[in-house]
Amino acid sequence: MPYVNVRVVGKLTKEQKQQIAKEISETLLKVANKPKDATYIAFDEVQGESWAVGDKLLG
């Protein structure tokens, strides 16, 4: 059972999440032969002020 965690700075729309989930699950089916109904995908939307690259906050 694959578990995929997608972390992004900012917000995604419901439609964007749906498209990302579709493409990830289709890729796992095609490449790793993992059924879509056994693939779990979680979305973490992080505020820029809670994420830094080096010493610079992204928000």
PDB file of N, CA and C in Angstrom:
ATOM      1  N   MET A   1       0.840  -1.168   0.000  1.00  0.00           N
ATOM      2  CA  MET A   1       0.000   0.000   0.000  1.00  0.00           C
ATOM      3  C   MET A   1       0.889   1.236   0.000  1.00  0.00           C
ATOM      4  N   PRO A   2       0.940   1.989  -1.092  1.00  0.00           N
ATOM      5  CA  PRO A   2       1.733   3.212  -1.129  1.00  0.00           C
ATOM      6  C   PRO A   2       1.077   4.331  -0.321  1.00  0.00           C
ATOM      7  N   TYR A   3       1.917   5.123   0.305  1.00  0.00           N
ATOM      8  CA  TYR A   3       1.483   6.335   0.988  1.00  0.00           C
ATOM      9  C   TYR A   3       2.330   7.471   0.440  1.00  0.00           C
ATOM     10  N   VAL A   4       1.690   8.491  -0.108  1.00  0.00           N
ATOM     11  CA  VAL A   4       2.389   9.624  -0.703  1.00  0.00           C
ATOM     12  C   VAL A   4       1.974  10.875   0.055  1.00  0.00           C
ATOM     13  N   ASN A   5       2.954  11.653   0.498  1.00  0.00           N
ATOM     14  CA  ASN A   5       2.679  12.903   1.182  1.00  0.00           C
ATOM     15  C   ASN A   5       3.142  14.049   0.298  1.00  0.00           C
ATOM     16  N   VAL A   6       2.207  14.929  -0.066  1.00  0.00           N
ATOM     17  CA  VAL A   6       2.506  16.072  -0.917  1.00  0.00           C
ATOM     18  C   VAL A   6       2.485  17.317  -0.038  1.00  0.00           C
ATOM     19  N   ARG A   7       3.623  17.983   0.074  1.00  0.00           N
ATOM     20  CA  ARG A   7       3.706  19.221   0.852  1.00  0.00           C
ATOM     21  C   ARG A   7       3.954  20.383  -0.089  1.00  0.00           C
ATOM     22  N   VAL A   8       3.160  21.422   0.092  1.00  0.00           N
ATOM     23  CA  VAL A   8       3.304  22.613  -0.738  1.00  0.00           C
ATOM     24  C   VAL A   8       3.222  23.853   0.135  1.00  0.00           C
ATOM     25  N   VAL A   9       3.900  24.894  -0.299  1.00  0.00           N
ATOM     26  CA  VAL A   9       3.748  26.191   0.343  1.00  0.00           C
ATOM     27  C   VAL A   9       2.539  26.858  -0.286  1.00  0.00           C
ATOM     28  N   GLY A  10       1.593  27.243   0.532  1.00  0.00           N
ATOM     29  CA  GLY A  10       0.384  27.881   0.027  1.00  0.00           C
ATOM     30  C   GLY A  10      -0.755  26.894  -0.113  1.00  0.00           C
ATOM     31  N   LYS A  11      -1.804  27.361  -0.767  1.00  0.00           N
ATOM     32  CA  LYS A  11      -3.039  26.576  -0.910  1.00  0.00           C
ATOM     33  C   LYS A  11      -3.168  25.998  -2.309  1.00  0.00           C
ATOM     34  N   LEU A  12      -3.789  24.831  -2.371  1.00  0.00           N
ATOM     35  CA  LEU A  12      -4.194  24.227  -3.633  1.00  0.00           C
ATOM     36  C   LEU A  12      -5.717  24.209  -3.677  1.00  0.00           C
ATOM     37  N   THR A  13      -6.266  24.332  -4.866  1.00  0.00           N
ATOM     38  CA  THR A  13      -7.714  24.200  -4.995  1.00  0.00           C
ATOM     39  C   THR A  13      -8.090  22.723  -4.936  1.00  0.00           C
ATOM     40  N   LYS A  14      -9.359  22.470  -4.725  1.00  0.00           N
ATOM     41  CA  LYS A  14      -9.847  21.086  -4.722  1.00  0.00           C
ATOM     42  C   LYS A  14      -9.557  20.433  -6.070  1.00  0.00           C
ATOM     43  N   GLU A  15      -9.722  21.188  -7.155  1.00  0.00           N
ATOM     44  CA  GLU A  15      -9.474  20.663  -8.497  1.00  0.00           C
ATOM     45  C   GLU A  15      -7.995  20.313  -8.690  1.00  0.00           C
ATOM     46  N   GLN A  16      -7.107  21.145  -8.178  1.00  0.00           N
ATOM     47  CA  GLN A  16      -5.669  20.855  -8.280  1.00  0.00           C
ATOM     48  C   GLN A  16      -5.323  19.592  -7.506  1.00  0.00           C
ATOM     49  N   LYS A  17      -5.861  19.453  -6.309  1.00  0.00           N
ATOM     50  CA  LYS A  17      -5.606  18.254  -5.509  1.00  0.00           C
ATOM     51  C   LYS A  17      -6.127  17.011  -6.226  1.00  0.00           C
ATOM     52  N   GLN A  18      -7.300  17.116  -6.823  1.00  0.00           N
ATOM     53  CA  GLN A  18      -7.881  15.982  -7.547  1.00  0.00           C
ATOM     54  C   GLN A  18      -6.984  15.572  -8.701  1.00  0.00           C
ATOM     55  N   GLN A  19      -6.482  16.539  -9.469  1.00  0.00           N
ATOM     56  CA  GLN A  19      -5.618  16.237 -10.611  1.00  0.00           C
ATOM     57  C   GLN A  19      -4.291  15.626 -10.155  1.00  0.00           C
ATOM     58  N   ILE A  20      -3.719  16.176  -9.092  1.00  0.00           N
ATOM     59  CA  ILE A  20      -2.461  15.633  -8.566  1.00  0.00           C
ATOM     60  C   ILE A  20      -2.671  14.199  -8.087  1.00  0.00           C
ATOM     61  N   ALA A  21      -3.757  13.954  -7.347  1.00  0.00           N
ATOM     62  CA  ALA A  21      -4.050  12.602  -6.853  1.00  0.00           C
ATOM     63  C   ALA A  21      -4.240  11.633  -8.010  1.00  0.00           C
ATOM     64  N   LYS A  22      -4.948  12.078  -9.041  1.00  0.00           N
ATOM     65  CA  LYS A  22      -5.178  11.228 -10.214  1.00  0.00           C
ATOM     66  C   LYS A  22      -3.859  10.841 -10.870  1.00  0.00           C
ATOM     67  N   GLU A  23      -3.001  11.822 -11.089  1.00  0.00           N
ATOM     68  CA  GLU A  23      -1.751  11.542 -11.794  1.00  0.00           C
ATOM     69  C   GLU A  23      -0.780  10.704 -10.956  1.00  0.00           C
ATOM     70  N   ILE A  24      -0.731  10.946  -9.654  1.00  0.00           N
ATOM     71  CA  ILE A  24       0.133  10.140  -8.790  1.00  0.00           C
ATOM     72  C   ILE A  24      -0.356   8.688  -8.770  1.00  0.00           C
ATOM     73  N   SER A  25      -1.661   8.504  -8.575  1.00  0.00           N
ATOM     74  CA  SER A  25      -2.181   7.132  -8.489  1.00  0.00           C
ATOM     75  C   SER A  25      -2.061   6.405  -9.827  1.00  0.00           C
ATOM     76  N   GLU A  26      -2.240   7.116 -10.940  1.00  0.00           N
ATOM     77  CA  GLU A  26      -2.060   6.481 -12.250  1.00  0.00           C
ATOM     78  C   GLU A  26      -0.601   6.097 -12.489  1.00  0.00           C
ATOM     79  N   THR A  27       0.325   6.930 -12.047  1.00  0.00           N
ATOM     80  CA  THR A  27       1.746   6.622 -12.194  1.00  0.00           C
ATOM     81  C   THR A  27       2.123   5.400 -11.361  1.00  0.00           C
ATOM     82  N   LEU A  28       1.646   5.322 -10.125  1.00  0.00           N
ATOM     83  CA  LEU A  28       1.952   4.164  -9.283  1.00  0.00           C
ATOM     84  C   LEU A  28       1.344   2.884  -9.857  1.00  0.00           C
ATOM     85  N   LEU A  29       0.167   2.995 -10.463  1.00  0.00           N
ATOM     86  CA  LEU A  29      -0.443   1.826 -11.107  1.00  0.00           C
ATOM     87  C   LEU A  29       0.403   1.381 -12.295  1.00  0.00           C
ATOM     88  N   LYS A  30       0.790   2.323 -13.132  1.00  0.00           N
ATOM     89  CA  LYS A  30       1.512   2.015 -14.367  1.00  0.00           C
ATOM     90  C   LYS A  30       2.940   1.527 -14.083  1.00  0.00           C
ATOM     91  N   VAL A  31       3.640   2.185 -13.190  1.00  0.00           N
ATOM     92  CA  VAL A  31       5.059   1.889 -12.974  1.00  0.00           C
ATOM     93  C   VAL A  31       5.269   0.779 -11.951  1.00  0.00           C
ATOM     94  N   ALA A  32       4.501   0.799 -10.857  1.00  0.00           N
ATOM     95  CA  ALA A  32       4.740  -0.146  -9.761  1.00  0.00           C
ATOM     96  C   ALA A  32       3.640  -1.188  -9.611  1.00  0.00           C
ATOM     97  N   ASN A  33       2.625  -1.147 -10.495  1.00  0.00           N
ATOM     98  CA  ASN A  33       1.516  -2.092 -10.445  1.00  0.00           C
ATOM     99  C   ASN A  33       0.779  -2.049  -9.099  1.00  0.00           C
ATOM    100  N   LYS A  34       0.647  -0.836  -8.541  1.00  0.00           N
ATOM    101  CA  LYS A  34      -0.074  -0.650  -7.273  1.00  0.00           C
ATOM    102  C   LYS A  34      -1.474  -0.147  -7.588  1.00  0.00           C
ATOM    103  N   PRO A  35      -2.499  -0.857  -7.132  1.00  0.00           N
ATOM    104  CA  PRO A  35      -3.868  -0.453  -7.458  1.00  0.00           C
ATOM    105  C   PRO A  35      -4.222   0.903  -6.852  1.00  0.00           C
ATOM    106  N   LYS A  36      -5.035   1.648  -7.589  1.00  0.00           N
ATOM    107  CA  LYS A  36      -5.432   2.985  -7.137  1.00  0.00           C
ATOM    108  C   LYS A  36      -6.142   2.946  -5.786  1.00  0.00           C
ATOM    109  N   ASP A  37      -6.968   1.921  -5.575  1.00  0.00           N
ATOM    110  CA  ASP A  37      -7.729   1.872  -4.325  1.00  0.00           C
ATOM    111  C   ASP A  37      -6.880   1.479  -3.119  1.00  0.00           C
ATOM    112  N   ALA A  38      -5.612   1.204  -3.338  1.00  0.00           N
ATOM    113  CA  ALA A  38      -4.691   0.915  -2.236  1.00  0.00           C
ATOM    114  C   ALA A  38      -3.655   2.027  -2.061  1.00  0.00           C
ATOM    115  N   THR A  39      -3.804   3.104  -2.817  1.00  0.00           N
ATOM    116  CA  THR A  39      -2.858   4.219  -2.762  1.00  0.00           C
ATOM    117  C   THR A  39      -3.454   5.350  -1.940  1.00  0.00           C
ATOM    118  N   TYR A  40      -2.714   5.774  -0.934  1.00  0.00           N
ATOM    119  CA  TYR A  40      -3.155   6.864  -0.060  1.00  0.00           C
ATOM    120  C   TYR A  40      -2.295   8.090  -0.328  1.00  0.00           C
ATOM    121  N   ILE A  41      -2.950   9.234  -0.466  1.00  0.00           N
ATOM    122  CA  ILE A  41      -2.252  10.482  -0.759  1.00  0.00           C
ATOM    123  C   ILE A  41      -2.733  11.535   0.227  1.00  0.00           C
ATOM    124  N   ALA A  42      -1.794  12.180   0.904  1.00  0.00           N
ATOM    125  CA  ALA A  42      -2.119  13.239   1.858  1.00  0.00           C
ATOM    126  C   ALA A  42      -1.527  14.550   1.367  1.00  0.00           C
ATOM    127  N   PHE A  43      -2.272  15.613   1.542  1.00  0.00           N
ATOM    128  CA  PHE A  43      -1.820  16.940   1.153  1.00  0.00           C
ATOM    129  C   PHE A  43      -1.583  17.778   2.402  1.00  0.00           C
ATOM    130  N   ASP A  44      -0.387  18.334   2.516  1.00  0.00           N
ATOM    131  CA  ASP A  44      -0.049  19.267   3.587  1.00  0.00           C
ATOM    132  C   ASP A  44       0.202  20.630   2.959  1.00  0.00           C
ATOM    133  N   GLU A  45      -0.655  21.584   3.295  1.00  0.00           N
ATOM    134  CA  GLU A  45      -0.498  22.942   2.802  1.00  0.00           C
ATOM    135  C   GLU A  45       0.123  23.771   3.922  1.00  0.00           C
ATOM    136  N   VAL A  46       1.323  24.236   3.685  1.00  0.00           N
ATOM    137  CA  VAL A  46       2.104  24.920   4.710  1.00  0.00           C
ATOM    138  C   VAL A  46       2.176  26.398   4.378  1.00  0.00           C
ATOM    139  N   GLN A  47       1.974  27.229   5.375  1.00  0.00           N
ATOM    140  CA  GLN A  47       2.142  28.669   5.176  1.00  0.00           C
ATOM    141  C   GLN A  47       3.620  28.973   4.962  1.00  0.00           C
ATOM    142  N   GLY A  48       3.895  29.934   4.115  1.00  0.00           N
ATOM    143  CA  GLY A  48       5.278  30.297   3.812  1.00  0.00           C
ATOM    144  C   GLY A  48       6.082  30.689   5.035  1.00  0.00           C
ATOM    145  N   GLU A  49       5.415  31.276   6.018  1.00  0.00           N
ATOM    146  CA  GLU A  49       6.130  31.680   7.230  1.00  0.00           C
ATOM    147  C   GLU A  49       6.503  30.494   8.121  1.00  0.00           C
ATOM    148  N   SER A  50       6.012  29.313   7.754  1.00  0.00           N
ATOM    149  CA  SER A  50       6.348  28.102   8.494  1.00  0.00           C
ATOM    150  C   SER A  50       7.342  27.224   7.756  1.00  0.00           C
ATOM    151  N   TRP A  51       7.922  27.753   6.681  1.00  0.00           N
ATOM    152  CA  TRP A  51       8.850  26.979   5.872  1.00  0.00           C
ATOM    153  C   TRP A  51       9.987  27.896   5.469  1.00  0.00           C
ATOM    154  N   ALA A  52      11.202  27.401   5.595  1.00  0.00           N
ATOM    155  CA  ALA A  52      12.364  28.208   5.237  1.00  0.00           C
ATOM    156  C   ALA A  52      13.294  27.424   4.326  1.00  0.00           C
ATOM    157  N   VAL A  53      13.997  28.148   3.501  1.00  0.00           N
ATOM    158  CA  VAL A  53      15.093  27.594   2.711  1.00  0.00           C
ATOM    159  C   VAL A  53      16.343  28.308   3.220  1.00  0.00           C
ATOM    160  N   GLY A  54      17.203  27.526   3.848  1.00  0.00           N
ATOM    161  CA  GLY A  54      18.346  28.164   4.511  1.00  0.00           C
ATOM    162  C   GLY A  54      17.828  29.063   5.621  1.00  0.00           C
ATOM    163  N   ASP A  55      18.252  30.303   5.618  1.00  0.00           N
ATOM    164  CA  ASP A  55      17.824  31.219   6.666  1.00  0.00           C
ATOM    165  C   ASP A  55      16.724  32.173   6.205  1.00  0.00           C
ATOM    166  N   LYS A  56      16.063  31.844   5.095  1.00  0.00           N
ATOM    167  CA  LYS A  56      15.010  32.713   4.536  1.00  0.00           C
ATOM    168  C   LYS A  56      13.651  32.020   4.605  1.00  0.00           C
ATOM    169  N   LEU A  57      12.717  32.658   5.280  1.00  0.00           N
ATOM    170  CA  LEU A  57      11.341  32.163   5.298  1.00  0.00           C
ATOM    171  C   LEU A  57      10.724  32.403   3.933  1.00  0.00           C
ATOM    172  N   LEU A  58       9.839  31.511   3.519  1.00  0.00           N
ATOM    173  CA  LEU A  58       9.208  31.639   2.213  1.00  0.00           C
ATOM    174  C   LEU A  58       7.981  32.551   2.243  1.00  0.00           C
ATOM    175  N   GLY A  59       7.606  33.013   3.400  1.00  0.00           N
ATOM    176  CA  GLY A  59       6.431  33.897   3.476  1.00  0.00           C
ATOM    177  C   GLY A  59       6.627  34.998   4.457  1.00  0.00           C
TER     178      GLY A  59
END
